[in-house]
Amino acid sequence: MKILMFTWEFPPLISGGLGMACYGMVKALLALGIKIDLVLPTKEMVYFPLREESDADTLPAVFLDTTMQTEYLSQRFVNLHERLDYIGISGRPESYLQLNELQKYMAAVQKQTWFSESVTGEEHQIWDDMTAHLIGEEDLIKKVQEYTLRAERFARELDYNLIHAHDWLTYPSGMLARKISQKPLVVHIHATEFDRAGGPGDERVHKIEHAGMMYADLVIAVSQYTAQMIMSRYRIDTAKIRIVHNAFALSDDTVLSKKRLFRGPTVLFLGRITLQKGPDYYLDVAERVLKVHPEARFIMAGTGDMARGLLRKSASKRLQNKFLFTGFLDRAQVEEILRASDIYVLPSVSEPFGISPLEAMAFGLTSIISKQSGVSEVVHNAFKIDYWDVDLMANTINHLIEHPEQCVKVGIEGMHEVNKIHWNEAAEKIREIYSAVLAAFIKRNS
């Protein structure tokens, strides 16, 4: 079985849980013998033919342009970073087409692909909904436009049985590939716009999410929480939805031994500093705890649009060096901060799943997670509290600080629990989904 997979994030191109989820999922699928042609938002027109588990780490690349492929193969790179830099994988992939070129090209794709006699009225309406909202001057929208246009060549030139697209950024690509190839499409919903925005959010994104899920043969949701969201908010047919929980796996060379940065207890927030993740609630919790335990230290690790405002709020509350902002952390720094912490807090307002708590638990941290999260469906050895209940969160942290033996005990139990949540189980469910979708596709077209 061969899959054409579109995703916006994959290590080292990563800004959140999506990249780590795709990495774990892809490695486990490869272990099952499934072949994957991975498409990322790279500078150059390349794809990544993944055939062995190790390919997820080395990312072998192929240029669609044969001349460029020959030139690429003649290069000698010092390391993986240098090779990926040549291809154009960076933390912030840029758009390399002008907006007017994109608009002309999109119009041509519409005319050739979507206005033919074979297009049904329903397909036409879904495509109209998607393209009508894939507009805007923002950098991100431009990048999604370009990524979508590139999908046409991958769809026409690669050989595959099924298309798998992750989150709204790649849904238009998946839709286009499905129409061109007439191959089935599975879309994976890791987070909705309602989750990310903590409210209505961007109407364009909602429309693209809806169009992608409506056009897909099947939708994979990362939790029951997310499945309920897409049924109630997007009116997606229950029969089209399958739930596959995420997992987490530490690399073999991960060091778990503690390496303290502070003498006192250390509490950690690790994630994007955005409304969805509830960082303002975390700061309120810290203020309450520090009044009782001034020896504690609270770390806010990550970046996001709320960081500057929270920095000012922390200063106004005179939390000083007891509440620390790290900014962006690379993989090694994330592991270092986890080794230095005792308690992890995720007060997300709306969290489809949440891989970060699994990672923290794998390092032995006692975790406090929002009841409004998908991860709360799969773990038991964690404290589950409503995101808005800052008093209960503060009281729980105070109790753990005052009873360090219990804090350690819960942390160890959580570590053992997470070590049993494997990607191979999730991958097996996805393989079964692929098989069922392909069987239905073959039956329809026989």
Protein backbone atom coordinates (compact mmCIF):
# COMPACT_ATOMS: atom_id res chain seq x y z
CA MET A 1 0.00 0.00 0.00
CA LYS A 2 1.36 3.40 -0.99
CA ILE A 3 0.17 6.69 0.51
CA LEU A 4 0.54 10.24 -0.76
CA MET A 5 0.71 12.21 2.49
CA PHE A 6 0.41 15.98 2.83
CA THR A 7 1.43 17.59 6.12
CA TRP A 8 2.53 21.08 7.14
CA GLU A 9 4.88 19.90 9.86
CA PHE A 10 7.42 17.12 10.20
CA PRO A 11 10.72 17.19 12.11
CA PRO A 12 12.76 19.31 11.77
CA LEU A 13 10.01 21.51 10.29
CA ILE A 14 7.96 21.75 13.46
CA SER A 15 6.18 24.30 15.61
CA GLY A 16 3.79 22.18 17.63
CA GLY A 17 2.27 18.79 18.33
CA LEU A 18 1.27 18.18 14.70
CA GLY A 19 4.88 17.56 13.64
CA MET A 20 5.60 15.12 16.47
CA ALA A 21 2.30 13.31 15.88
CA CYS A 22 3.03 12.90 12.17
CA TYR A 23 6.56 11.70 12.92
CA GLY A 24 5.45 9.00 15.35
CA MET A 25 2.58 7.96 13.11
CA VAL A 26 4.72 7.76 9.95
CA LYS A 27 7.46 5.70 11.62
CA ALA A 28 4.89 3.22 12.89
CA LEU A 29 3.15 3.01 9.49
CA LEU A 30 6.49 2.36 7.80
CA ALA A 31 7.12 -0.45 10.29
CA LEU A 32 3.88 -2.05 9.04
CA GLY A 33 5.25 -2.05 5.48
CA ILE A 34 3.19 0.92 4.26
CA LYS A 35 5.04 3.14 1.78
CA ILE A 36 4.65 6.91 2.10
CA ASP A 37 5.46 9.74 -0.29
CA LEU A 38 5.59 12.73 2.05
CA VAL A 39 4.99 16.29 0.82
CA LEU A 40 6.08 19.24 2.99
CA PRO A 41 6.03 23.02 2.39
CA THR A 42 9.63 23.14 1.14
CA LYS A 43 11.37 25.81 -0.90
CA GLU A 44 12.18 23.37 -3.69
CA MET A 45 9.75 21.11 -5.55
CA VAL A 46 10.63 17.88 -3.75
CA TYR A 47 8.91 15.00 -2.04
CA PHE A 48 10.23 12.43 0.43
CA PRO A 49 9.82 8.74 -0.52
CA LEU A 50 9.77 6.98 2.86
CA ARG A 51 10.11 3.19 2.74
CA GLU A 52 11.98 2.18 5.92
CA GLU A 53 11.50 3.36 9.51
CA SER A 54 14.88 5.10 9.42
CA ASP A 55 13.73 7.20 6.44
CA ALA A 56 11.57 9.26 8.84
CA ASP A 57 14.82 10.47 10.43
CA THR A 58 16.98 10.88 7.31
CA LEU A 59 14.25 12.22 4.96
CA PRO A 60 15.55 11.03 1.56
CA ALA A 61 14.40 13.57 -1.03
CA VAL A 62 13.54 13.46 -4.73
CA PHE A 63 13.21 16.53 -6.97
CA LEU A 64 10.43 16.36 -9.56
CA ASP A 65 12.75 18.17 -11.99
CA THR A 66 15.24 15.56 -13.25
CA THR A 67 17.99 18.14 -13.90
CA MET A 68 17.72 19.45 -10.36
CA GLN A 69 17.68 15.86 -9.05
CA THR A 70 20.94 15.12 -10.88
CA GLU A 71 22.49 18.29 -9.47
CA TYR A 72 21.23 17.42 -5.99
CA LEU A 73 22.74 13.92 -6.13
CA SER A 74 26.11 15.41 -7.14
CA GLN A 75 26.24 17.51 -3.97
CA ARG A 76 28.24 16.49 -0.91
CA PHE A 77 26.63 17.60 2.34
CA VAL A 78 28.41 17.75 5.68
CA ASN A 79 25.31 16.74 7.65
CA LEU A 80 21.55 16.32 7.50
CA HIS A 81 20.94 19.95 8.42
CA GLU A 82 22.99 21.17 5.45
CA ARG A 83 21.15 18.82 3.07
CA LEU A 84 17.71 19.88 4.30
CA ASP A 85 18.75 23.52 4.07
CA TYR A 86 19.60 22.92 0.39
CA ILE A 87 16.12 21.50 -0.19
CA GLY A 88 14.54 24.40 1.63
CA ILE A 89 13.31 23.02 4.93
CA SER A 90 13.36 25.71 7.57
CA GLY A 91 11.38 26.63 10.64
CA ARG A 92 9.50 29.19 8.58
CA PRO A 93 8.95 28.03 4.98
CA GLU A 94 8.34 31.01 2.77
CA SER A 95 6.20 31.42 -0.34
CA TYR A 96 8.15 31.69 -3.60
CA LEU A 97 5.38 32.78 -5.94
CA GLN A 98 3.75 36.17 -6.29
CA LEU A 99 0.09 36.44 -5.33
CA ASN A 100 -1.04 37.42 -8.85
CA GLU A 101 0.68 34.29 -10.24
CA LEU A 102 -1.15 32.19 -7.67
CA GLN A 103 -4.51 33.69 -8.56
CA LYS A 104 -3.99 33.07 -12.30
CA TYR A 105 -2.82 29.52 -11.68
CA MET A 106 -5.72 28.77 -9.33
CA ALA A 107 -8.15 30.00 -11.98
CA ALA A 108 -6.53 27.69 -14.54
CA VAL A 109 -6.74 24.71 -12.18
CA GLN A 110 -10.39 25.50 -11.55
CA LYS A 111 -11.17 25.63 -15.24
CA GLN A 112 -9.29 22.45 -16.17
CA THR A 113 -10.17 20.30 -13.20
CA TRP A 114 -13.34 21.48 -11.55
CA PHE A 115 -15.53 22.84 -14.31
CA SER A 116 -15.49 19.68 -16.44
CA GLU A 117 -18.62 17.68 -17.21
CA SER A 118 -17.58 14.96 -14.74
CA VAL A 119 -17.87 17.29 -11.74
CA THR A 120 -21.07 16.86 -9.76
CA GLY A 121 -23.04 19.79 -8.39
CA GLU A 122 -22.04 18.85 -4.83
CA GLU A 123 -18.33 18.69 -5.76
CA HIS A 124 -18.58 22.05 -7.48
CA GLN A 125 -20.16 23.60 -4.37
CA ILE A 126 -17.50 22.15 -2.04
CA TRP A 127 -14.70 23.39 -4.30
CA ASP A 128 -16.31 26.83 -4.50
CA ASP A 129 -16.51 26.97 -0.70
CA MET A 130 -12.84 26.07 -0.37
CA THR A 131 -11.42 28.37 -3.07
CA ALA A 132 -13.63 31.27 -2.06
CA HIS A 133 -11.99 31.24 1.34
CA LEU A 134 -8.42 30.39 0.32
CA ILE A 135 -7.77 34.09 -0.17
CA GLY A 136 -5.88 36.75 1.70
CA GLU A 137 -2.66 38.73 1.86
CA GLU A 138 -1.37 37.03 5.03
CA ASP A 139 1.88 35.09 4.65
CA LEU A 140 0.30 31.86 5.90
CA ILE A 141 -2.57 31.99 3.41
CA LYS A 142 -0.08 32.66 0.58
CA LYS A 143 1.96 29.64 1.64
CA VAL A 144 -1.14 27.44 1.72
CA GLN A 145 -2.10 28.69 -1.75
CA GLU A 146 1.32 27.80 -3.15
CA TYR A 147 1.37 24.42 -1.41
CA THR A 148 -2.04 23.66 -2.93
CA LEU A 149 -0.92 24.57 -6.44
CA ARG A 150 2.16 22.39 -6.14
CA ALA A 151 -0.07 19.46 -5.18
CA GLU A 152 -1.23 19.21 -8.79
CA ARG A 153 2.15 17.93 -10.00
CA PHE A 154 2.55 15.49 -7.13
CA ALA A 155 -0.98 14.21 -7.77
CA ARG A 156 -0.30 13.66 -11.49
CA GLU A 157 3.28 12.33 -11.39
CA LEU A 158 3.46 10.10 -8.32
CA ASP A 159 2.05 6.60 -7.98
CA TYR A 160 -0.11 5.94 -4.91
CA ASN A 161 -3.27 4.20 -3.71
CA LEU A 162 -4.65 6.73 -1.25
CA ILE A 163 -4.21 10.35 -0.11
CA HIS A 164 -3.82 11.36 3.54
CA ALA A 165 -3.95 15.08 4.46
CA HIS A 166 -3.30 16.53 7.92
CA ASP A 167 -5.25 19.59 9.14
CA TRP A 168 -6.73 22.49 7.18
CA LEU A 169 -3.42 23.75 5.80
CA THR A 170 -3.21 20.69 3.54
CA TYR A 171 -6.90 19.93 2.96
CA PRO A 172 -7.02 21.93 -0.32
CA SER A 173 -4.02 19.91 -1.55
CA GLY A 174 -5.69 16.66 -0.61
CA MET A 175 -8.91 17.71 -2.33
CA LEU A 176 -7.09 18.67 -5.51
CA ALA A 177 -5.11 15.43 -5.54
CA ARG A 178 -8.29 13.40 -5.04
CA LYS A 179 -10.03 15.09 -7.95
CA ILE A 180 -7.05 14.73 -10.29
CA SER A 181 -6.22 11.12 -9.42
CA GLN A 182 -9.71 9.87 -8.53
CA LYS A 183 -8.02 8.13 -5.58
CA PRO A 184 -9.69 8.13 -2.12
CA LEU A 185 -8.90 10.84 0.43
CA VAL A 186 -8.54 10.52 4.21
CA VAL A 187 -8.25 13.76 6.19
CA HIS A 188 -6.84 13.91 9.70
CA ILE A 189 -8.18 16.58 12.05
CA HIS A 190 -5.64 17.35 14.77
CA ALA A 191 -7.24 20.65 15.81
CA THR A 192 -10.16 22.76 14.60
CA GLU A 193 -10.23 26.53 14.26
CA PHE A 194 -12.55 26.59 17.28
CA ASP A 195 -9.76 24.94 19.32
CA ARG A 196 -6.98 27.21 18.08
CA ALA A 197 -8.92 30.44 18.40
CA GLY A 198 -10.76 29.62 21.61
CA GLY A 199 -13.90 30.86 19.87
CA PRO A 200 -15.23 31.66 16.37
CA GLY A 201 -11.78 32.31 14.86
CA ASP A 202 -11.24 32.84 11.13
CA GLU A 203 -14.27 32.09 8.95
CA ARG A 204 -12.01 31.21 6.00
CA VAL A 205 -10.36 28.41 7.98
CA HIS A 206 -13.73 27.05 9.14
CA LYS A 207 -14.91 26.85 5.52
CA ILE A 208 -11.74 25.09 4.37
CA GLU A 209 -11.98 22.62 7.26
CA HIS A 210 -15.63 21.94 6.43
CA ALA A 211 -14.95 21.53 2.69
CA GLY A 212 -12.05 19.13 3.32
CA MET A 213 -14.04 16.93 5.70
CA MET A 214 -17.09 16.94 3.42
CA TYR A 215 -15.06 15.96 0.34
CA ALA A 216 -13.00 13.29 2.11
CA ASP A 217 -13.92 9.63 2.04
CA LEU A 218 -13.21 9.41 5.75
CA VAL A 219 -12.17 11.70 8.63
CA ILE A 220 -9.75 10.70 11.41
CA ALA A 221 -10.24 12.58 14.70
CA VAL A 222 -7.57 12.48 17.41
CA SER A 223 -10.09 12.11 20.26
CA GLN A 224 -13.75 11.68 21.14
CA TYR A 225 -13.61 15.33 22.19
CA THR A 226 -12.64 16.31 18.62
CA ALA A 227 -15.15 13.92 17.04
CA GLN A 228 -17.97 15.56 19.00
CA MET A 229 -16.69 18.97 17.93
CA ILE A 230 -16.73 18.18 14.20
CA MET A 231 -20.15 16.53 14.44
CA SER A 232 -21.75 19.42 16.33
CA ARG A 233 -19.93 22.39 14.77
CA TYR A 234 -19.30 21.13 11.22
CA ARG A 235 -22.23 18.72 10.81
CA ILE A 236 -19.96 15.91 9.58
CA ASP A 237 -21.73 12.56 9.25
CA THR A 238 -20.88 10.28 12.19
CA ALA A 239 -20.41 7.38 9.77
CA LYS A 240 -17.44 9.19 8.17
CA ILE A 241 -15.55 9.68 11.46
CA ARG A 242 -13.00 7.36 13.06
CA ILE A 243 -11.15 8.08 16.30
CA VAL A 244 -7.42 7.33 16.58
CA HIS A 245 -5.73 8.66 19.71
CA ASN A 246 -2.19 9.96 19.45
CA ALA A 247 0.73 8.37 21.29
CA PHE A 248 4.23 9.36 22.27
CA ALA A 249 7.56 7.59 22.05
CA LEU A 250 10.89 8.78 23.40
CA SER A 251 13.95 8.24 21.23
CA ASP A 252 16.35 5.51 22.34
CA ASP A 253 19.06 8.02 23.26
CA THR A 254 16.82 10.19 25.48
CA VAL A 255 18.31 10.94 28.91
CA LEU A 256 15.68 10.85 31.66
CA SER A 257 17.82 11.52 34.74
CA LYS A 258 16.97 14.73 36.60
CA LYS A 259 19.21 17.76 36.19
CA ARG A 260 17.85 20.54 38.35
CA LEU A 261 18.08 24.23 37.47
CA PHE A 262 16.60 25.46 40.76
CA ARG A 263 16.67 24.25 44.34
CA GLY A 264 12.94 24.68 44.84
CA PRO A 265 10.07 22.85 43.10
CA THR A 266 9.81 23.67 39.39
CA VAL A 267 6.48 23.92 37.54
CA LEU A 268 6.39 23.89 33.73
CA PHE A 269 4.10 25.15 30.95
CA LEU A 270 5.33 23.83 27.59
CA GLY A 271 3.52 24.80 24.41
CA ARG A 272 2.41 27.63 22.19
CA ILE A 273 1.62 30.76 24.18
CA THR A 274 -1.76 31.25 22.57
CA LEU A 275 -5.35 31.54 23.76
CA GLN A 276 -6.02 27.85 23.09
CA LYS A 277 -3.39 26.67 25.57
CA GLY A 278 -4.63 28.80 28.48
CA PRO A 279 -1.29 30.47 29.39
CA ASP A 280 -3.09 33.31 31.19
CA TYR A 281 -4.69 30.78 33.54
CA TYR A 282 -1.23 29.31 34.18
CA LEU A 283 0.07 32.73 35.22
CA ASP A 284 -2.89 33.21 37.57
CA VAL A 285 -2.17 29.81 39.11
CA ALA A 286 1.49 30.75 39.55
CA GLU A 287 0.56 33.96 41.35
CA ARG A 288 -1.57 32.02 43.84
CA VAL A 289 1.03 29.31 44.47
CA LEU A 290 3.91 31.76 44.91
CA LYS A 291 2.06 33.51 47.71
CA VAL A 292 2.17 30.22 49.64
CA HIS A 293 5.43 28.79 48.26
CA PRO A 294 7.77 31.61 47.20
CA GLU A 295 10.56 29.03 46.80
CA ALA A 296 8.80 27.56 43.74
CA ARG A 297 9.74 28.48 40.17
CA PHE A 298 7.31 28.62 37.24
CA ILE A 299 8.61 28.27 33.68
CA MET A 300 6.67 29.24 30.55
CA ALA A 301 8.42 27.53 27.63
CA GLY A 302 7.40 28.43 24.09
CA THR A 303 6.38 31.32 21.89
CA GLY A 304 3.10 32.81 20.74
CA ASP A 305 1.02 35.92 20.27
CA MET A 306 0.20 36.21 24.00
CA ALA A 307 3.81 36.08 25.21
CA ARG A 308 4.46 39.82 25.28
CA GLY A 309 1.23 40.62 27.12
CA LEU A 310 1.89 37.88 29.69
CA LEU A 311 5.42 39.17 30.20
CA ARG A 312 3.96 42.58 31.06
CA LYS A 313 1.32 40.98 33.29
CA SER A 314 4.00 38.99 35.13
CA ALA A 315 5.99 42.17 35.70
CA SER A 316 2.93 44.06 36.98
CA LYS A 317 2.29 41.26 39.50
CA ARG A 318 5.96 41.47 40.58
CA LEU A 319 6.57 37.78 40.01
CA GLN A 320 10.13 38.70 38.93
CA ASN A 321 12.53 35.76 38.55
CA LYS A 322 9.99 33.33 40.00
CA PHE A 323 8.10 33.28 36.70
CA LEU A 324 10.45 32.71 33.77
CA PHE A 325 9.95 32.91 29.99
CA THR A 326 12.27 30.77 27.86
CA GLY A 327 11.18 31.73 24.34
CA PHE A 328 11.49 29.10 21.59
CA LEU A 329 13.23 25.87 22.56
CA ASP A 330 14.75 23.33 20.20
CA ARG A 331 14.40 19.59 20.80
CA ALA A 332 17.48 19.28 23.04
CA GLN A 333 16.42 22.29 25.11
CA VAL A 334 12.88 20.87 25.52
CA GLU A 335 14.34 17.68 26.95
CA GLU A 336 16.63 19.69 29.23
CA ILE A 337 13.72 21.71 30.64
CA LEU A 338 11.67 18.54 31.17
CA ARG A 339 14.52 16.95 33.11
CA ALA A 340 14.68 20.04 35.32
CA SER A 341 10.95 20.17 36.17
CA ASP A 342 8.73 18.46 38.74
CA ILE A 343 5.17 19.38 37.76
CA TYR A 344 3.65 19.98 34.32
CA VAL A 345 0.51 22.08 33.78
CA LEU A 346 -1.65 22.21 30.64
CA PRO A 347 -4.68 24.51 31.27
CA SER A 348 -5.91 24.36 27.64
CA VAL A 349 -9.25 25.98 26.90
CA SER A 350 -9.84 23.48 24.08
CA GLU A 351 -7.29 20.77 23.32
CA PRO A 352 -8.15 18.15 20.66
CA PHE A 353 -5.49 15.86 22.05
CA GLY A 354 -2.28 17.26 23.55
CA ILE A 355 0.95 15.32 23.01
CA SER A 356 2.95 17.56 25.35
CA PRO A 357 1.42 16.03 28.52
CA LEU A 358 2.42 12.55 27.31
CA GLU A 359 5.96 13.79 26.79
CA ALA A 360 6.05 15.36 30.25
CA MET A 361 4.70 12.18 31.84
CA ALA A 362 7.29 10.12 29.96
CA PHE A 363 9.93 12.19 31.78
CA GLY A 364 8.30 11.43 35.12
CA LEU A 365 6.63 14.81 35.69
CA THR A 366 3.42 14.86 37.68
CA SER A 367 0.90 16.33 35.25
CA ILE A 368 -2.13 18.55 35.71
CA ILE A 369 -4.21 18.62 32.52
CA SER A 370 -7.37 20.34 31.40
CA LYS A 371 -10.57 18.31 31.40
CA GLN A 372 -11.19 20.03 28.05
CA SER A 373 -8.50 17.93 26.32
CA GLY A 374 -8.43 14.73 24.30
CA VAL A 375 -5.42 13.40 26.19
CA SER A 376 -7.57 13.20 29.33
CA GLU A 377 -9.40 10.33 27.58
CA VAL A 378 -6.32 8.10 27.50
CA VAL A 379 -4.35 8.79 30.72
CA HIS A 380 -5.35 8.03 34.29
CA ASN A 381 -2.31 8.98 36.36
CA ALA A 382 -2.73 12.73 35.98
CA PHE A 383 -4.80 15.39 37.71
CA LYS A 384 -7.70 16.47 35.46
CA ILE A 385 -9.09 19.92 36.25
CA ASP A 386 -11.30 22.40 34.38
CA TYR A 387 -9.08 25.01 32.71
CA TRP A 388 -10.88 27.87 34.43
CA ASP A 389 -10.57 26.44 37.95
CA VAL A 390 -7.31 28.20 38.85
CA ASP A 391 -7.96 27.86 42.58
CA LEU A 392 -8.16 24.06 42.36
CA MET A 393 -5.03 23.95 40.17
CA ALA A 394 -3.16 26.15 42.66
CA ASN A 395 -4.33 24.04 45.61
CA THR A 396 -3.26 20.86 43.80
CA ILE A 397 0.22 22.25 43.15
CA ASN A 398 0.50 23.44 46.76
CA HIS A 399 -0.43 19.94 47.94
CA LEU A 400 2.17 18.34 45.66
CA ILE A 401 4.86 20.74 46.85
CA GLU A 402 3.99 19.99 50.46
CA HIS A 403 3.92 16.22 49.81
CA PRO A 404 6.91 15.63 47.50
CA GLU A 405 6.76 11.85 48.00
CA GLN A 406 3.24 11.79 46.50
CA CYS A 407 4.38 14.04 43.65
CA VAL A 408 7.18 11.59 42.81
CA LYS A 409 4.85 8.58 43.14
CA VAL A 410 2.25 10.01 40.71
CA GLY A 411 5.03 11.00 38.31
CA ILE A 412 6.46 7.48 38.24
CA GLU A 413 3.02 5.92 37.76
CA GLY A 414 2.37 8.33 34.90
CA MET A 415 5.70 7.41 33.31
CA HIS A 416 4.87 3.72 33.40
CA GLU A 417 1.41 4.40 31.95
CA VAL A 418 2.67 6.51 29.03
CA ASN A 419 5.31 3.91 28.17
CA LYS A 420 2.43 1.56 27.33
CA ILE A 421 0.79 3.99 24.89
CA HIS A 422 2.49 3.05 21.62
CA TRP A 423 2.27 4.45 18.11
CA ASN A 424 2.11 0.93 16.67
CA GLU A 425 -1.43 0.56 18.04
CA ALA A 426 -2.50 3.84 16.44
CA ALA A 427 -0.77 2.89 13.18
CA GLU A 428 -2.59 -0.45 13.09
CA LYS A 429 -5.93 1.40 13.40
CA ILE A 430 -4.90 3.74 10.57
CA ARG A 431 -3.85 0.78 8.42
CA GLU A 432 -7.30 -0.73 8.95
CA ILE A 433 -8.88 2.59 7.99
CA TYR A 434 -6.79 2.72 4.80
CA SER A 435 -7.83 -0.84 3.92
CA ALA A 436 -11.52 -0.16 4.54
CA VAL A 437 -11.48 3.05 2.48
CA LEU A 438 -9.65 1.33 -0.39
CA ALA A 439 -12.03 -1.64 -0.32
CA ALA A 440 -15.05 0.69 -0.49
CA PHE A 441 -13.37 2.64 -3.29
CA ILE A 442 -12.70 -0.50 -5.33
CA LYS A 443 -16.25 -1.73 -4.78
CA ARG A 444 -17.69 1.61 -5.95
CA ASN A 445 -15.60 1.59 -9.09
CA SER A 446 -15.86 -2.09 -10.04
